[in-house]
C-alpha atoms as a PDB file:
ATOM      1  CA  UNK A   1      25.876   9.684   2.132  1.00  0.00           C
ATOM      2  CA  UNK A   2      24.807   5.985   0.830  1.00  0.00           C
ATOM      3  CA  UNK A   3      24.372   5.501  -3.085  1.00  0.00           C
ATOM      4  CA  UNK A   4      22.004   2.655  -4.833  1.00  0.00           C
ATOM      5  CA  UNK A   5      25.208   1.167  -5.748  1.00  0.00           C
ATOM      6  CA  UNK A   6      26.242   1.138  -1.967  1.00  0.00           C
ATOM      7  CA  UNK A   7      22.970  -0.768  -1.257  1.00  0.00           C
ATOM      8  CA  UNK A   8      23.336  -3.421  -3.878  1.00  0.00           C
ATOM      9  CA  UNK A   9      26.993  -4.190  -3.807  1.00  0.00           C
ATOM     10  CA  UNK A  10      26.504  -8.023  -2.673  1.00  0.00           C
ATOM     11  CA  UNK A  11      23.723  -8.407  -5.675  1.00  0.00           C
ATOM     12  CA  UNK A  12      25.705  -7.417  -8.583  1.00  0.00           C
ATOM     13  CA  UNK A  13      25.884  -4.661 -11.175  1.00  0.00           C
ATOM     14  CA  UNK A  14      22.557  -6.042 -12.521  1.00  0.00           C
ATOM     15  CA  UNK A  15      21.026  -5.474  -9.268  1.00  0.00           C
ATOM     16  CA  UNK A  16      22.258  -2.000  -9.300  1.00  0.00           C
ATOM     17  CA  UNK A  17      20.869  -0.815 -12.417  1.00  0.00           C
ATOM     18  CA  UNK A  18      17.423  -1.989 -11.369  1.00  0.00           C
ATOM     19  CA  UNK A  19      17.490  -0.033  -8.268  1.00  0.00           C
ATOM     20  CA  UNK A  20      18.441   2.989 -10.269  1.00  0.00           C
ATOM     21  CA  UNK A  21      15.695   2.510 -12.347  1.00  0.00           C
ATOM     22  CA  UNK A  22      13.111   2.043  -9.618  1.00  0.00           C
ATOM     23  CA  UNK A  23      14.712   4.846  -7.721  1.00  0.00           C
ATOM     24  CA  UNK A  24      14.467   6.795 -10.883  1.00  0.00           C
ATOM     25  CA  UNK A  25      10.483   6.012 -11.338  1.00  0.00           C
ATOM     26  CA  UNK A  26       9.698   7.000  -7.801  1.00  0.00           C
ATOM     27  CA  UNK A  27      11.719  10.381  -8.080  1.00  0.00           C
ATOM     28  CA  UNK A  28      14.185   9.120  -5.120  1.00  0.00           C
ATOM     29  CA  UNK A  29      17.458  11.491  -5.289  1.00  0.00           C
ATOM     30  CA  UNK A  30      19.474  10.299  -2.597  1.00  0.00           C
ATOM     31  CA  UNK A  31      19.050   7.596  -0.229  1.00  0.00           C
ATOM     32  CA  UNK A  32      19.117   8.260   3.567  1.00  0.00           C
ATOM     33  CA  UNK A  33      19.420   5.680   5.623  1.00  0.00           C
ATOM     34  CA  UNK A  34      19.361   7.113   9.113  1.00  0.00           C
ATOM     35  CA  UNK A  35      17.709   4.993  12.166  1.00  0.00           C
ATOM     36  CA  UNK A  36      14.703   7.738  12.552  1.00  0.00           C
ATOM     37  CA  UNK A  37      14.134   6.814   8.746  1.00  0.00           C
ATOM     38  CA  UNK A  38      13.720   3.145   8.998  1.00  0.00           C
ATOM     39  CA  UNK A  39      11.548   3.417  12.047  1.00  0.00           C
ATOM     40  CA  UNK A  40       9.345   5.971  10.505  1.00  0.00           C
ATOM     41  CA  UNK A  41       9.022   3.503   7.705  1.00  0.00           C
ATOM     42  CA  UNK A  42       7.778   0.370   9.496  1.00  0.00           C
ATOM     43  CA  UNK A  43       5.193   2.511  11.060  1.00  0.00           C
ATOM     44  CA  UNK A  44       4.097   3.901   7.801  1.00  0.00           C
ATOM     45  CA  UNK A  45       3.898   0.062   6.745  1.00  0.00           C
ATOM     46  CA  UNK A  46       2.102  -1.057   9.645  1.00  0.00           C
ATOM     47  CA  UNK A  47      -0.461   2.207   9.472  1.00  0.00           C
ATOM     48  CA  UNK A  48      -1.231   1.436   5.446  1.00  0.00           C
ATOM     49  CA  UNK A  49      -1.424  -2.467   5.906  1.00  0.00           C
ATOM     50  CA  UNK A  50      -3.949  -1.606   9.123  1.00  0.00           C
ATOM     51  CA  UNK A  51      -5.952   0.800   6.521  1.00  0.00           C
ATOM     52  CA  UNK A  52      -5.779  -1.764   3.703  1.00  0.00           C
ATOM     53  CA  UNK A  53      -6.791  -4.373   6.162  1.00  0.00           C
ATOM     54  CA  UNK A  54     -10.123  -2.183   7.551  1.00  0.00           C
ATOM     55  CA  UNK A  55     -10.975  -2.007   3.761  1.00  0.00           C
ATOM     56  CA  UNK A  56     -11.378  -5.604   3.492  1.00  0.00           C
ATOM     57  CA  UNK A  57     -12.684  -6.359   6.799  1.00  0.00           C
ATOM     58  CA  UNK A  58     -15.576  -3.421   6.224  1.00  0.00           C
ATOM     59  CA  UNK A  59     -16.262  -4.767   2.842  1.00  0.00           C
ATOM     60  CA  UNK A  60     -16.540  -8.942   3.780  1.00  0.00           C
ATOM     61  CA  UNK A  61     -17.412  -8.500   7.536  1.00  0.00           C
ATOM     62  CA  UNK A  62     -18.992  -5.712   8.699  1.00  0.00           C
ATOM     63  CA  UNK A  63     -21.370  -4.577   5.659  1.00  0.00           C
ATOM     64  CA  UNK A  64     -22.330  -7.848   4.892  1.00  0.00           C
ATOM     65  CA  UNK A  65     -22.637  -9.914   8.282  1.00  0.00           C
ATOM     66  CA  UNK A  66     -22.808  -7.035  11.721  1.00  0.00           C
ATOM     67  CA  UNK A  67     -25.014  -4.675  10.264  1.00  0.00           C
ATOM     68  CA  UNK A  68     -27.878  -7.066   9.052  1.00  0.00           C
ATOM     69  CA  UNK A  69     -27.210  -8.557  12.298  1.00  0.00           C
ATOM     70  CA  UNK A  70     -27.970  -5.540  14.076  1.00  0.00           C
ATOM     71  CA  UNK A  71     -31.244  -4.877  12.179  1.00  0.00           C
ATOM     72  CA  UNK A  72     -29.517  -2.157   9.680  1.00  0.00           C
ATOM     73  CA  UNK A  73     -30.839  -4.309   6.737  1.00  0.00           C
ATOM     74  CA  UNK A  74     -30.602  -1.359   3.716  1.00  0.00           C
ATOM     75  CA  UNK A  75     -26.670  -0.980   3.860  1.00  0.00           C
ATOM     76  CA  UNK A  76     -26.300  -2.641  -0.196  1.00  0.00           C
ATOM     77  CA  UNK A  77     -25.957   1.000  -1.058  1.00  0.00           C
ATOM     78  CA  UNK A  78     -23.482   2.388   1.692  1.00  0.00           C
ATOM     79  CA  UNK A  79     -20.931  -0.313   1.049  1.00  0.00           C
ATOM     80  CA  UNK A  80     -19.583   1.257  -2.448  1.00  0.00           C
ATOM     81  CA  UNK A  81     -20.043   4.812  -1.112  1.00  0.00           C
ATOM     82  CA  UNK A  82     -17.652   3.763   2.131  1.00  0.00           C
ATOM     83  CA  UNK A  83     -15.663   1.353   0.638  1.00  0.00           C
ATOM     84  CA  UNK A  84     -14.124   3.526  -2.279  1.00  0.00           C
ATOM     85  CA  UNK A  85     -12.796   6.698  -0.449  1.00  0.00           C
ATOM     86  CA  UNK A  86     -11.639   4.617   2.176  1.00  0.00           C
ATOM     87  CA  UNK A  87      -9.676   2.095  -0.319  1.00  0.00           C
ATOM     88  CA  UNK A  88      -8.399   5.405  -2.127  1.00  0.00           C
ATOM     89  CA  UNK A  89      -6.934   6.397   1.249  1.00  0.00           C
ATOM     90  CA  UNK A  90      -5.065   3.040   1.400  1.00  0.00           C
ATOM     91  CA  UNK A  91      -3.704   2.905  -1.886  1.00  0.00           C
ATOM     92  CA  UNK A  92      -2.476   6.300  -1.099  1.00  0.00           C
ATOM     93  CA  UNK A  93      -1.004   4.919   2.071  1.00  0.00           C
ATOM     94  CA  UNK A  94       0.636   2.247   0.462  1.00  0.00           C
ATOM     95  CA  UNK A  95       2.307   4.238  -2.796  1.00  0.00           C
ATOM     96  CA  UNK A  96       3.540   6.195  -0.097  1.00  0.00           C
ATOM     97  CA  UNK A  97       5.247   3.466   1.845  1.00  0.00           C
ATOM     98  CA  UNK A  98       6.461   1.788  -1.170  1.00  0.00           C
ATOM     99  CA  UNK A  99       8.370   4.902  -2.035  1.00  0.00           C
ATOM    100  CA  UNK A 100       9.422   5.817   1.542  1.00  0.00           C
ATOM    101  CA  UNK A 101      11.024   2.256   1.541  1.00  0.00           C
ATOM    102  CA  UNK A 102      12.975   2.835  -1.239  1.00  0.00           C
ATOM    103  CA  UNK A 103      13.909   6.644   0.085  1.00  0.00           C
ATOM    104  CA  UNK A 104      15.445   5.109   2.761  1.00  0.00           C
ATOM    105  CA  UNK A 105      17.441   2.089   1.175  1.00  0.00           C
ATOM    106  CA  UNK A 106      15.750  -0.433   3.562  1.00  0.00           C
ATOM    107  CA  UNK A 107      17.376  -4.049   3.129  1.00  0.00           C
ATOM    108  CA  UNK A 108      14.305  -5.517   2.248  1.00  0.00           C
ATOM    109  CA  UNK A 109      13.052  -2.917   0.220  1.00  0.00           C
ATOM    110  CA  UNK A 110      11.818  -5.555  -2.548  1.00  0.00           C
ATOM    111  CA  UNK A 111       9.912  -7.697  -0.380  1.00  0.00           C
ATOM    112  CA  UNK A 112       8.183  -4.985   1.079  1.00  0.00           C
ATOM    113  CA  UNK A 113       7.525  -3.621  -2.736  1.00  0.00           C
ATOM    114  CA  UNK A 114       6.035  -7.012  -3.362  1.00  0.00           C
ATOM    115  CA  UNK A 115       3.774  -7.133  -0.335  1.00  0.00           C
ATOM    116  CA  UNK A 116       2.612  -3.613  -1.112  1.00  0.00           C
ATOM    117  CA  UNK A 117       1.895  -4.378  -4.950  1.00  0.00           C
ATOM    118  CA  UNK A 118      -0.104  -7.583  -3.782  1.00  0.00           C
ATOM    119  CA  UNK A 119      -2.138  -5.636  -1.272  1.00  0.00           C
ATOM    120  CA  UNK A 120      -2.631  -2.888  -3.923  1.00  0.00           C
ATOM    121  CA  UNK A 121      -4.067  -4.863  -6.247  1.00  0.00           C
ATOM    122  CA  UNK A 122      -6.579  -6.336  -3.876  1.00  0.00           C
ATOM    123  CA  UNK A 123      -7.453  -3.064  -2.757  1.00  0.00           C
ATOM    124  CA  UNK A 124      -7.751  -1.688  -6.644  1.00  0.00           C
ATOM    125  CA  UNK A 125      -9.907  -4.598  -7.420  1.00  0.00           C
ATOM    126  CA  UNK A 126     -11.963  -4.117  -4.573  1.00  0.00           C
ATOM    127  CA  UNK A 127     -12.259  -0.037  -5.332  1.00  0.00           C
ATOM    128  CA  UNK A 128     -13.070  -1.114  -9.085  1.00  0.00           C
ATOM    129  CA  UNK A 129     -15.828  -3.759  -7.851  1.00  0.00           C
ATOM    130  CA  UNK A 130     -17.281  -0.628  -5.980  1.00  0.00           C
ATOM    131  CA  UNK A 131     -17.228   1.300  -8.496  1.00  0.00           C
ATOM    132  CA  UNK A 132     -18.818  -0.833 -10.762  1.00  0.00           C
ATOM    133  CA  UNK A 133     -22.010  -1.778  -8.172  1.00  0.00           C
ATOM    134  CA  UNK A 134     -22.147   1.708  -7.565  1.00  0.00           C
ATOM    135  CA  UNK A 135     -23.010   2.903 -11.362  1.00  0.00           C
ATOM    136  CA  UNK A 136     -24.941  -0.284 -12.265  1.00  0.00           C
ATOM    137  CA  UNK A 137     -27.669   0.864 -10.005  1.00  0.00           C
END
C-alpha cells in the first residue's frame, strides 16, 4: 500500500507534511492507488463539474432568458427554490470529489483541488445570493 511519503518523493519533505495535514483534515487513513479508483475519481470529477455547470446554466441562461421566451413570465421566485438545492448537491459532489482524489493519491490532486475549490467558491456565492433573494421578499 502506498503511503503519502511515497506520493511526494519528488516534492521534498515539506510537501509530505502538507500532504499529511490535508489527509488528516479529510480523514483519509490509507491511500489506494488502484486503477479502478483512478477511473472512479475521474468519473466523479466529471459528474460534479456537470452538476455545477448545470447550476450556472440554470441561473444565468434558462431562468432569466429561456423561460421568459417560452412565455413563462413568473419565474422570479422559482430561481432560488431550484438553485439552492441544485447548488447544495453540487457542493456535496465537489467535496466528495476532493476527498476521492486525495484518497487515491491522484498525481494531480493539488491541481484538481484548486479547480474544485474555485468551482465551490462560485457555487457557494450563487447559493448565498439565492438565499438572500429568497428571504428578501
